[in-house]
Amino acid sequence: IKAKTKYNLDLMDLDMLANWLKEHKDAYVIIDYKNDGIQILKSIREKYGEMLQRFYIQIYAFEEYSTSKKMGFGKVIITLYKTGYSDEDVVKFAGDNDVYAVTMPVNRAESGLPMKLKKIDIRVFAHTVNSIEKYKKLLVNGVYGIYTDSISPLKFP
């Protein structure tokens, strides 16, 4: 696939990604679909079923959880930026299900929710964080990791 990208990154289709994953046994991919989620998951399952445990599925509603798990995907991440779930709803759902992580916008990551989730051993990711200073503050607040556009992994403390 030929196109200009930020940071001179290579664009990949699913076949290219699968080949790359075969060469990089320690790598995992977060699937963040915006539309046609079930169809995307079905395509991945049909073509790359032997790799399902390498794909972490990011869902946008609690209702999507059971479908993702039934399809064989091992790790589910709940993202909160499109929802109105209360802290109590999120903690209860994450605690009652095999949720890998919860990801949320920075403003929510600065609230008390990350510590509530940390107490029940649920990882919290914040997005989008583009400064080391902000990252450090979020870590103190219970955040496990971040999504970033610009921080190189080599710059993390």
C-alpha atoms as a PDB file:
ATOM      1  CA  ILE A   1       0.000   0.000   0.000  1.00  0.00           C
ATOM      2  CA  LYS A   2       1.532   3.265  -1.067  1.00  0.00           C
ATOM      3  CA  ALA A   3       0.545   6.481   0.697  1.00  0.00           C
ATOM      4  CA  LYS A   4       2.218   9.259   2.617  1.00  0.00           C
ATOM      5  CA  THR A   5       2.025   8.815   6.360  1.00  0.00           C
ATOM      6  CA  LYS A   6       3.053  10.722   9.412  1.00  0.00           C
ATOM      7  CA  TYR A   7       6.495   9.627  10.684  1.00  0.00           C
ATOM      8  CA  ASN A   8       7.177   7.675   7.454  1.00  0.00           C
ATOM      9  CA  LEU A   9       5.276   4.626   8.688  1.00  0.00           C
ATOM     10  CA  ASP A  10       4.249   1.821   6.360  1.00  0.00           C
ATOM     11  CA  LEU A  11       0.545   1.197   5.819  1.00  0.00           C
ATOM     12  CA  MET A  12      -0.479  -2.456   5.989  1.00  0.00           C
ATOM     13  CA  ASP A  13      -3.466  -4.499   4.925  1.00  0.00           C
ATOM     14  CA  LEU A  14      -4.497  -7.522   7.023  1.00  0.00           C
ATOM     15  CA  ASP A  15      -2.372  -9.960   5.029  1.00  0.00           C
ATOM     16  CA  MET A  16       0.725  -7.809   5.520  1.00  0.00           C
ATOM     17  CA  LEU A  17      -0.093  -7.434   9.199  1.00  0.00           C
ATOM     18  CA  ALA A  18      -0.510 -11.210   9.623  1.00  0.00           C
ATOM     19  CA  ASN A  19       2.871 -11.821   7.984  1.00  0.00           C
ATOM     20  CA  TRP A  20       4.458  -9.210  10.222  1.00  0.00           C
ATOM     21  CA  LEU A  21       2.896 -10.850  13.308  1.00  0.00           C
ATOM     22  CA  LYS A  22       4.331 -14.221  12.258  1.00  0.00           C
ATOM     23  CA  GLU A  23       7.786 -12.648  12.275  1.00  0.00           C
ATOM     24  CA  HIS A  24       7.231 -10.776  15.556  1.00  0.00           C
ATOM     25  CA  LYS A  25       5.977 -13.364  18.041  1.00  0.00           C
ATOM     26  CA  ASP A  26       5.923 -10.862  20.930  1.00  0.00           C
ATOM     27  CA  ALA A  27       3.667  -8.334  19.162  1.00  0.00           C
ATOM     28  CA  TYR A  28      -0.057  -7.796  19.632  1.00  0.00           C
ATOM     29  CA  VAL A  29      -2.561  -5.653  17.743  1.00  0.00           C
ATOM     30  CA  ILE A  30      -5.435  -3.600  19.104  1.00  0.00           C
ATOM     31  CA  ILE A  31      -8.391  -3.680  16.731  1.00  0.00           C
ATOM     32  CA  ASP A  32     -10.163  -0.329  16.939  1.00  0.00           C
ATOM     33  CA  TYR A  33     -12.990  -0.432  14.448  1.00  0.00           C
ATOM     34  CA  LYS A  34     -15.405   2.439  13.980  1.00  0.00           C
ATOM     35  CA  ASN A  35     -17.984   0.763  11.718  1.00  0.00           C
ATOM     36  CA  ASP A  36     -18.898  -2.774  10.671  1.00  0.00           C
ATOM     37  CA  GLY A  37     -17.188  -4.186  13.753  1.00  0.00           C
ATOM     38  CA  ILE A  38     -18.742  -7.627  13.653  1.00  0.00           C
ATOM     39  CA  GLN A  39     -17.890  -8.044   9.969  1.00  0.00           C
ATOM     40  CA  ILE A  40     -14.277  -7.020  10.629  1.00  0.00           C
ATOM     41  CA  LEU A  41     -14.022  -9.503  13.507  1.00  0.00           C
ATOM     42  CA  LYS A  42     -15.521 -12.268  11.339  1.00  0.00           C
ATOM     43  CA  SER A  43     -12.981 -11.555   8.589  1.00  0.00           C
ATOM     44  CA  ILE A  44     -10.092 -11.716  11.028  1.00  0.00           C
ATOM     45  CA  ARG A  45     -11.413 -14.951  12.547  1.00  0.00           C
ATOM     46  CA  GLU A  46     -11.911 -16.588   9.134  1.00  0.00           C
ATOM     47  CA  LYS A  47      -8.548 -15.616   7.636  1.00  0.00           C
ATOM     48  CA  TYR A  48      -6.310 -15.539  10.704  1.00  0.00           C
ATOM     49  CA  GLY A  49      -8.047 -17.795  13.225  1.00  0.00           C
ATOM     50  CA  GLU A  50      -4.753 -19.198  14.491  1.00  0.00           C
ATOM     51  CA  MET A  51      -3.779 -15.675  15.592  1.00  0.00           C
ATOM     52  CA  LEU A  52      -6.920 -14.644  17.468  1.00  0.00           C
ATOM     53  CA  GLN A  53      -5.096 -14.386  20.783  1.00  0.00           C
ATOM     54  CA  ARG A  54      -2.762 -11.802  19.237  1.00  0.00           C
ATOM     55  CA  PHE A  55      -5.666  -9.425  18.524  1.00  0.00           C
ATOM     56  CA  TYR A  56      -7.036  -7.287  21.357  1.00  0.00           C
ATOM     57  CA  ILE A  57     -10.530  -6.060  20.552  1.00  0.00           C
ATOM     58  CA  GLN A  58     -11.534  -2.555  21.567  1.00  0.00           C
ATOM     59  CA  ILE A  59     -15.292  -2.366  22.092  1.00  0.00           C
ATOM     60  CA  TYR A  60     -17.525   0.673  22.459  1.00  0.00           C
ATOM     61  CA  ALA A  61     -20.438  -0.790  24.433  1.00  0.00           C
ATOM     62  CA  PHE A  62     -20.891  -3.506  27.027  1.00  0.00           C
ATOM     63  CA  GLU A  63     -23.249  -5.285  24.612  1.00  0.00           C
ATOM     64  CA  GLU A  64     -20.342  -5.955  22.223  1.00  0.00           C
ATOM     65  CA  TYR A  65     -18.395  -7.910  24.835  1.00  0.00           C
ATOM     66  CA  SER A  66     -20.106 -11.304  24.566  1.00  0.00           C
ATOM     67  CA  THR A  67     -19.946 -11.315  20.756  1.00  0.00           C
ATOM     68  CA  SER A  68     -16.194 -10.645  20.802  1.00  0.00           C
ATOM     69  CA  LYS A  69     -15.573 -13.395  23.348  1.00  0.00           C
ATOM     70  CA  LYS A  70     -17.833 -15.916  21.566  1.00  0.00           C
ATOM     71  CA  MET A  71     -15.867 -15.314  18.370  1.00  0.00           C
ATOM     72  CA  GLY A  72     -12.714 -16.421  20.170  1.00  0.00           C
ATOM     73  CA  PHE A  73     -10.895 -13.162  20.734  1.00  0.00           C
ATOM     74  CA  GLY A  74      -9.020 -13.396  24.006  1.00  0.00           C
ATOM     75  CA  LYS A  75      -8.492  -9.826  25.126  1.00  0.00           C
ATOM     76  CA  VAL A  76     -11.208  -7.190  25.250  1.00  0.00           C
ATOM     77  CA  ILE A  77     -10.621  -3.503  25.937  1.00  0.00           C
ATOM     78  CA  ILE A  78     -13.600  -1.295  26.735  1.00  0.00           C
ATOM     79  CA  THR A  79     -13.303   2.269  25.501  1.00  0.00           C
ATOM     80  CA  LEU A  80     -15.363   4.941  27.206  1.00  0.00           C
ATOM     81  CA  TYR A  81     -15.155   8.053  25.066  1.00  0.00           C
ATOM     82  CA  LYS A  82     -18.472   7.376  23.299  1.00  0.00           C
ATOM     83  CA  THR A  83     -20.372   6.200  26.367  1.00  0.00           C
ATOM     84  CA  GLY A  84     -22.101   7.730  29.325  1.00  0.00           C
ATOM     85  CA  TYR A  85     -21.384   4.838  31.679  1.00  0.00           C
ATOM     86  CA  SER A  86     -21.005   5.815  35.308  1.00  0.00           C
ATOM     87  CA  ASP A  87     -17.882   4.856  37.248  1.00  0.00           C
ATOM     88  CA  GLU A  88     -19.947   2.292  39.132  1.00  0.00           C
ATOM     89  CA  ASP A  89     -21.232   0.710  35.896  1.00  0.00           C
ATOM     90  CA  VAL A  90     -17.705   0.472  34.471  1.00  0.00           C
ATOM     91  CA  VAL A  91     -16.212  -1.018  37.636  1.00  0.00           C
ATOM     92  CA  LYS A  92     -19.040  -3.545  37.964  1.00  0.00           C
ATOM     93  CA  PHE A  93     -18.897  -4.638  34.333  1.00  0.00           C
ATOM     94  CA  ALA A  94     -15.103  -4.898  34.307  1.00  0.00           C
ATOM     95  CA  GLY A  95     -15.119  -6.797  37.588  1.00  0.00           C
ATOM     96  CA  ASP A  96     -17.820  -9.226  36.469  1.00  0.00           C
ATOM     97  CA  ASN A  97     -16.227 -10.002  33.088  1.00  0.00           C
ATOM     98  CA  ASP A  98     -12.852 -11.016  31.698  1.00  0.00           C
ATOM     99  CA  VAL A  99     -11.898  -7.495  30.622  1.00  0.00           C
ATOM    100  CA  TYR A 100      -8.247  -6.898  29.751  1.00  0.00           C
ATOM    101  CA  ALA A 101      -8.398  -3.118  30.116  1.00  0.00           C
ATOM    102  CA  VAL A 102     -10.494   0.028  30.052  1.00  0.00           C
ATOM    103  CA  THR A 103      -9.364   2.978  27.967  1.00  0.00           C
ATOM    104  CA  MET A 104     -10.629   6.508  28.441  1.00  0.00           C
ATOM    105  CA  PRO A 105      -9.990  10.132  27.496  1.00  0.00           C
ATOM    106  CA  VAL A 106      -7.510  12.093  29.605  1.00  0.00           C
ATOM    107  CA  ASN A 107     -10.204  14.047  31.470  1.00  0.00           C
ATOM    108  CA  ARG A 108     -11.764  10.809  32.697  1.00  0.00           C
ATOM    109  CA  ALA A 109      -8.320   9.353  33.438  1.00  0.00           C
ATOM    110  CA  GLU A 110      -7.749  12.302  35.785  1.00  0.00           C
ATOM    111  CA  SER A 111     -10.838  11.335  37.804  1.00  0.00           C
ATOM    112  CA  GLY A 112     -11.146   8.687  40.514  1.00  0.00           C
ATOM    113  CA  LEU A 113     -12.066   5.925  38.036  1.00  0.00           C
ATOM    114  CA  PRO A 114      -8.531   4.654  37.291  1.00  0.00           C
ATOM    115  CA  MET A 115      -7.850   3.938  40.978  1.00  0.00           C
ATOM    116  CA  LYS A 116     -11.210   2.168  41.346  1.00  0.00           C
ATOM    117  CA  LEU A 117     -10.295  -0.088  38.418  1.00  0.00           C
ATOM    118  CA  LYS A 118      -6.741  -0.603  39.630  1.00  0.00           C
ATOM    119  CA  LYS A 119      -8.126  -1.890  42.952  1.00  0.00           C
ATOM    120  CA  ILE A 120      -9.815  -4.744  41.054  1.00  0.00           C
ATOM    121  CA  ASP A 121      -6.734  -5.405  38.864  1.00  0.00           C
ATOM    122  CA  ILE A 122      -8.082  -3.871  35.665  1.00  0.00           C
ATOM    123  CA  ARG A 123      -5.570  -1.992  33.515  1.00  0.00           C
ATOM    124  CA  VAL A 124      -6.442   1.571  32.536  1.00  0.00           C
ATOM    125  CA  PHE A 125      -5.185   3.299  29.407  1.00  0.00           C
ATOM    126  CA  ALA A 126      -5.620   6.998  28.647  1.00  0.00           C
ATOM    127  CA  HIS A 127      -5.819   8.676  25.252  1.00  0.00           C
ATOM    128  CA  THR A 128      -4.464  10.744  23.685  1.00  0.00           C
ATOM    129  CA  VAL A 129      -1.378  11.723  25.684  1.00  0.00           C
ATOM    130  CA  ASN A 130       1.489  13.462  23.939  1.00  0.00           C
ATOM    131  CA  SER A 131       3.646  14.664  26.829  1.00  0.00           C
ATOM    132  CA  ILE A 132       5.813  12.739  29.271  1.00  0.00           C
ATOM    133  CA  GLU A 133       4.743  15.096  32.080  1.00  0.00           C
ATOM    134  CA  LYS A 134       1.062  14.279  31.552  1.00  0.00           C
ATOM    135  CA  TYR A 135       1.905  10.581  31.322  1.00  0.00           C
ATOM    136  CA  LYS A 136       3.721  10.691  34.684  1.00  0.00           C
ATOM    137  CA  LYS A 137       0.767  12.452  36.358  1.00  0.00           C
ATOM    138  CA  LEU A 138      -1.641   9.861  34.995  1.00  0.00           C
ATOM    139  CA  LEU A 139       0.525   6.990  36.259  1.00  0.00           C
ATOM    140  CA  VAL A 140       0.234   8.399  39.777  1.00  0.00           C
ATOM    141  CA  ASN A 141      -3.546   8.434  39.293  1.00  0.00           C
ATOM    142  CA  GLY A 142      -3.702   4.703  38.520  1.00  0.00           C
ATOM    143  CA  VAL A 143      -3.297   4.727  34.738  1.00  0.00           C
ATOM    144  CA  TYR A 144      -1.352   1.726  33.423  1.00  0.00           C
ATOM    145  CA  GLY A 145      -0.489   3.031  29.942  1.00  0.00           C
ATOM    146  CA  ILE A 146      -1.326   5.562  27.261  1.00  0.00           C
ATOM    147  CA  TYR A 147      -2.194   5.912  23.601  1.00  0.00           C
ATOM    148  CA  THR A 148       0.040   8.533  22.001  1.00  0.00           C
ATOM    149  CA  ASP A 149       0.588  10.160  18.640  1.00  0.00           C
ATOM    150  CA  SER A 150       4.100  11.349  19.194  1.00  0.00           C
ATOM    151  CA  ILE A 151       5.988   9.935  22.177  1.00  0.00           C
ATOM    152  CA  SER A 152       8.639   7.437  21.156  1.00  0.00           C
ATOM    153  CA  PRO A 153       8.806   4.304  23.345  1.00  0.00           C
ATOM    154  CA  LEU A 154      12.464   5.158  23.919  1.00  0.00           C
ATOM    155  CA  LYS A 155      11.438   8.321  25.781  1.00  0.00           C
ATOM    156  CA  PHE A 156       9.323   6.562  28.422  1.00  0.00           C
ATOM    157  CA  PRO A 157      10.787   6.548  31.913  1.00  0.00           C
END
